[in-house]
Amino acid sequence: MNLLQHISDDNAWMRRYADSIGWDELAKYYDKVWLMLYDMRPGYVFRVLDEVHPKNYDLFMKCVGAAIEELAAYGIHSYYIEEQGTVILRR
């Protein structure tokens, strides 16, 4: 399964999701993903297929892409998405 296809090159997806689930719900979900990534310790492996419900793969991966970009803006560059997007690793 290739989850990398769900990562977006821009943030246009946010408007579509906000129109669908509302800005508050989108912000809550994004914040949970951002905090999960931020709290990951070096060497931790997050297995998407084990932790995320299949109906949320698209939103989760879009949030992961945006959150990793935001974390990079803060100088945190230690995240790697591997195995076709099914594993997120912090080094």
N, C-alpha and C. Protein backbone atom coordinates (compact mmCIF):
# COMPACT_ATOMS: atom_id res chain seq x y z
N MET A 1 0.85 -1.18 0.00
CA MET A 1 0.00 0.00 0.00
C MET A 1 0.90 1.24 0.00
N ASN A 2 0.65 2.14 -0.92
CA ASN A 2 1.44 3.35 -1.04
C ASN A 2 0.65 4.53 -0.46
N LEU A 3 1.02 4.93 0.74
CA LEU A 3 0.35 6.06 1.37
C LEU A 3 0.97 7.40 0.99
N LEU A 4 2.11 7.35 0.34
CA LEU A 4 2.78 8.58 -0.08
C LEU A 4 1.92 9.39 -1.05
N GLN A 5 1.04 8.72 -1.77
CA GLN A 5 0.17 9.41 -2.73
C GLN A 5 -0.76 10.41 -2.05
N HIS A 6 -0.95 10.27 -0.74
CA HIS A 6 -1.86 11.16 -0.02
C HIS A 6 -1.20 12.45 0.46
N ILE A 7 0.13 12.51 0.41
CA ILE A 7 0.82 13.72 0.83
C ILE A 7 0.70 14.75 -0.28
N SER A 8 0.33 15.96 0.11
CA SER A 8 0.07 17.02 -0.86
C SER A 8 1.28 17.96 -0.98
N ASP A 9 1.45 18.52 -2.19
CA ASP A 9 2.53 19.48 -2.43
C ASP A 9 2.18 20.88 -1.95
N ASP A 10 0.91 21.12 -1.68
CA ASP A 10 0.49 22.43 -1.21
C ASP A 10 -0.57 22.24 -0.12
N ASN A 11 -1.09 23.32 0.36
CA ASN A 11 -2.07 23.25 1.45
C ASN A 11 -3.51 23.47 0.98
N ALA A 12 -3.76 23.34 -0.30
CA ALA A 12 -5.12 23.51 -0.83
C ALA A 12 -6.08 22.48 -0.25
N TRP A 13 -5.56 21.33 0.14
CA TRP A 13 -6.39 20.27 0.71
C TRP A 13 -7.08 20.73 2.00
N MET A 14 -6.48 21.68 2.69
CA MET A 14 -7.05 22.12 3.97
C MET A 14 -8.45 22.70 3.79
N ARG A 15 -8.62 23.50 2.75
CA ARG A 15 -9.94 24.10 2.49
C ARG A 15 -10.98 23.02 2.22
N ARG A 16 -10.61 22.02 1.41
CA ARG A 16 -11.55 20.94 1.09
C ARG A 16 -11.96 20.18 2.36
N TYR A 17 -11.00 19.86 3.20
CA TYR A 17 -11.32 19.16 4.44
C TYR A 17 -12.10 20.06 5.40
N ALA A 18 -11.74 21.32 5.48
CA ALA A 18 -12.46 22.24 6.35
C ALA A 18 -13.91 22.38 5.92
N ASP A 19 -14.14 22.40 4.61
CA ASP A 19 -15.51 22.46 4.10
C ASP A 19 -16.29 21.20 4.44
N SER A 20 -15.58 20.09 4.52
CA SER A 20 -16.21 18.80 4.79
C SER A 20 -16.44 18.55 6.29
N ILE A 21 -15.40 18.75 7.10
CA ILE A 21 -15.51 18.40 8.53
C ILE A 21 -15.50 19.61 9.46
N GLY A 22 -15.22 20.78 8.92
CA GLY A 22 -15.17 22.00 9.72
C GLY A 22 -13.75 22.32 10.15
N TRP A 23 -13.49 23.63 10.28
CA TRP A 23 -12.15 24.08 10.65
C TRP A 23 -11.75 23.59 12.04
N ASP A 24 -12.70 23.56 12.97
CA ASP A 24 -12.36 23.13 14.33
C ASP A 24 -11.91 21.68 14.37
N GLU A 25 -12.64 20.81 13.69
CA GLU A 25 -12.27 19.39 13.67
C GLU A 25 -10.95 19.18 12.93
N LEU A 26 -10.77 19.90 11.84
CA LEU A 26 -9.52 19.78 11.10
C LEU A 26 -8.35 20.25 11.97
N ALA A 27 -8.52 21.36 12.66
CA ALA A 27 -7.45 21.88 13.53
C ALA A 27 -7.14 20.90 14.66
N LYS A 28 -8.16 20.29 15.25
CA LYS A 28 -7.95 19.31 16.32
C LYS A 28 -7.15 18.11 15.80
N TYR A 29 -7.54 17.61 14.63
CA TYR A 29 -6.85 16.44 14.06
C TYR A 29 -5.41 16.80 13.72
N TYR A 30 -5.22 17.93 13.07
CA TYR A 30 -3.87 18.37 12.70
C TYR A 30 -3.00 18.52 13.95
N ASP A 31 -3.55 19.15 14.98
CA ASP A 31 -2.79 19.36 16.21
C ASP A 31 -2.38 18.03 16.84
N LYS A 32 -3.26 17.03 16.80
CA LYS A 32 -2.91 15.71 17.34
C LYS A 32 -1.77 15.08 16.55
N VAL A 33 -1.81 15.21 15.24
CA VAL A 33 -0.73 14.66 14.40
C VAL A 33 0.56 15.42 14.66
N TRP A 34 0.49 16.74 14.71
CA TRP A 34 1.67 17.56 14.96
C TRP A 34 2.31 17.20 16.30
N LEU A 35 1.49 17.08 17.34
CA LEU A 35 2.02 16.74 18.66
C LEU A 35 2.60 15.33 18.70
N MET A 36 1.97 14.40 18.01
CA MET A 36 2.49 13.04 17.95
C MET A 36 3.88 13.04 17.35
N LEU A 37 4.05 13.78 16.25
CA LEU A 37 5.37 13.86 15.62
C LEU A 37 6.37 14.58 16.52
N TYR A 38 5.97 15.68 17.09
CA TYR A 38 6.85 16.47 17.95
C TYR A 38 7.33 15.65 19.15
N ASP A 39 6.43 14.86 19.73
CA ASP A 39 6.75 14.07 20.92
C ASP A 39 7.53 12.79 20.62
N MET A 40 7.65 12.43 19.35
CA MET A 40 8.41 11.22 19.01
C MET A 40 9.86 11.39 19.44
N ARG A 41 10.37 10.40 20.12
CA ARG A 41 11.77 10.41 20.52
C ARG A 41 12.63 9.83 19.40
N PRO A 42 13.89 10.23 19.32
CA PRO A 42 14.78 9.64 18.30
C PRO A 42 14.78 8.12 18.40
N GLY A 43 14.68 7.48 17.25
CA GLY A 43 14.64 6.03 17.17
C GLY A 43 13.24 5.44 17.19
N TYR A 44 12.23 6.27 17.48
CA TYR A 44 10.86 5.78 17.53
C TYR A 44 10.33 5.55 16.12
N VAL A 45 9.59 4.47 15.97
CA VAL A 45 8.99 4.12 14.69
C VAL A 45 7.47 4.12 14.86
N PHE A 46 6.78 4.89 14.03
CA PHE A 46 5.32 4.94 14.03
C PHE A 46 4.83 4.16 12.81
N ARG A 47 4.07 3.12 13.05
CA ARG A 47 3.54 2.27 11.98
C ARG A 47 2.10 2.70 11.67
N VAL A 48 1.95 3.40 10.57
CA VAL A 48 0.66 4.00 10.20
C VAL A 48 -0.43 2.94 10.11
N LEU A 49 -0.16 1.83 9.47
CA LEU A 49 -1.19 0.81 9.26
C LEU A 49 -1.68 0.21 10.58
N ASP A 50 -0.84 0.25 11.61
CA ASP A 50 -1.22 -0.30 12.92
C ASP A 50 -1.94 0.72 13.79
N GLU A 51 -1.72 2.01 13.53
CA GLU A 51 -2.21 3.05 14.43
C GLU A 51 -3.34 3.92 13.87
N VAL A 52 -3.49 3.96 12.56
CA VAL A 52 -4.46 4.87 11.93
C VAL A 52 -5.55 4.05 11.26
N HIS A 53 -6.79 4.44 11.46
CA HIS A 53 -7.91 3.76 10.80
C HIS A 53 -7.83 4.02 9.29
N PRO A 54 -8.06 2.99 8.49
CA PRO A 54 -7.95 3.14 7.03
C PRO A 54 -8.75 4.31 6.45
N LYS A 55 -9.91 4.63 7.01
CA LYS A 55 -10.69 5.75 6.46
C LYS A 55 -10.00 7.09 6.70
N ASN A 56 -9.01 7.12 7.59
CA ASN A 56 -8.30 8.36 7.90
C ASN A 56 -6.94 8.47 7.24
N TYR A 57 -6.54 7.50 6.42
CA TYR A 57 -5.21 7.54 5.81
C TYR A 57 -4.96 8.84 5.05
N ASP A 58 -5.93 9.26 4.24
CA ASP A 58 -5.73 10.46 3.43
C ASP A 58 -5.50 11.69 4.31
N LEU A 59 -6.39 11.94 5.25
CA LEU A 59 -6.25 13.10 6.12
C LEU A 59 -4.99 12.99 6.97
N PHE A 60 -4.72 11.82 7.50
CA PHE A 60 -3.53 11.64 8.34
C PHE A 60 -2.26 11.96 7.57
N MET A 61 -2.11 11.41 6.39
CA MET A 61 -0.89 11.64 5.61
C MET A 61 -0.77 13.08 5.15
N LYS A 62 -1.88 13.73 4.84
CA LYS A 62 -1.83 15.14 4.48
C LYS A 62 -1.36 15.96 5.69
N CYS A 63 -1.88 15.63 6.87
CA CYS A 63 -1.45 16.33 8.08
C CYS A 63 0.02 16.03 8.39
N VAL A 64 0.46 14.81 8.19
CA VAL A 64 1.86 14.45 8.41
C VAL A 64 2.76 15.30 7.51
N GLY A 65 2.42 15.38 6.23
CA GLY A 65 3.23 16.17 5.31
C GLY A 65 3.31 17.63 5.73
N ALA A 66 2.17 18.21 6.09
CA ALA A 66 2.15 19.62 6.50
C ALA A 66 2.88 19.81 7.83
N ALA A 67 2.71 18.88 8.76
CA ALA A 67 3.35 19.01 10.07
C ALA A 67 4.87 18.87 9.95
N ILE A 68 5.34 17.94 9.14
CA ILE A 68 6.78 17.79 8.95
C ILE A 68 7.36 19.06 8.33
N GLU A 69 6.63 19.66 7.41
CA GLU A 69 7.07 20.92 6.81
C GLU A 69 7.11 22.04 7.86
N GLU A 70 6.10 22.08 8.71
CA GLU A 70 6.06 23.10 9.77
C GLU A 70 7.19 22.87 10.78
N LEU A 71 7.41 21.63 11.18
CA LEU A 71 8.49 21.32 12.11
C LEU A 71 9.85 21.68 11.52
N ALA A 72 10.01 21.48 10.22
CA ALA A 72 11.27 21.85 9.55
C ALA A 72 11.50 23.36 9.63
N ALA A 73 10.42 24.13 9.58
CA ALA A 73 10.53 25.58 9.71
C ALA A 73 11.06 25.98 11.09
N TYR A 74 10.87 25.10 12.09
CA TYR A 74 11.40 25.32 13.44
C TYR A 74 12.78 24.70 13.61
N GLY A 75 13.35 24.18 12.52
CA GLY A 75 14.68 23.60 12.58
C GLY A 75 14.72 22.13 12.97
N ILE A 76 13.57 21.48 12.97
CA ILE A 76 13.50 20.05 13.32
C ILE A 76 13.39 19.27 12.02
N HIS A 77 14.47 18.61 11.64
CA HIS A 77 14.56 17.94 10.34
C HIS A 77 14.79 16.44 10.48
N SER A 78 14.34 15.81 11.52
CA SER A 78 14.74 14.44 11.81
C SER A 78 13.66 13.40 11.50
N TYR A 79 12.72 13.71 10.65
CA TYR A 79 11.63 12.78 10.32
C TYR A 79 11.85 12.17 8.95
N TYR A 80 11.55 10.88 8.86
CA TYR A 80 11.68 10.16 7.60
C TYR A 80 10.42 9.33 7.40
N ILE A 81 9.89 9.38 6.21
CA ILE A 81 8.73 8.56 5.85
C ILE A 81 9.26 7.45 4.95
N GLU A 82 9.06 6.22 5.38
CA GLU A 82 9.62 5.08 4.67
C GLU A 82 8.54 4.07 4.29
N GLU A 83 8.96 3.07 3.57
CA GLU A 83 8.11 1.93 3.19
C GLU A 83 6.78 2.39 2.61
N GLN A 84 6.86 3.22 1.62
CA GLN A 84 5.70 3.75 0.90
C GLN A 84 4.72 4.49 1.81
N GLY A 85 5.27 5.14 2.81
CA GLY A 85 4.46 5.95 3.70
C GLY A 85 3.84 5.21 4.86
N THR A 86 4.13 3.94 5.01
CA THR A 86 3.52 3.17 6.09
C THR A 86 4.30 3.26 7.40
N VAL A 87 5.50 3.81 7.35
CA VAL A 87 6.35 3.93 8.54
C VAL A 87 6.90 5.36 8.62
N ILE A 88 6.79 5.96 9.80
CA ILE A 88 7.39 7.27 10.05
C ILE A 88 8.43 7.06 11.14
N LEU A 89 9.63 7.52 10.87
CA LEU A 89 10.76 7.31 11.77
C LEU A 89 11.34 8.66 12.16
N ARG A 90 11.72 8.75 13.41
CA ARG A 90 12.46 9.94 13.84
C ARG A 90 13.86 9.51 14.22
N ARG A 91 14.83 10.15 13.60
CA ARG A 91 16.24 9.83 13.88
C ARG A 91 16.86 10.87 14.75
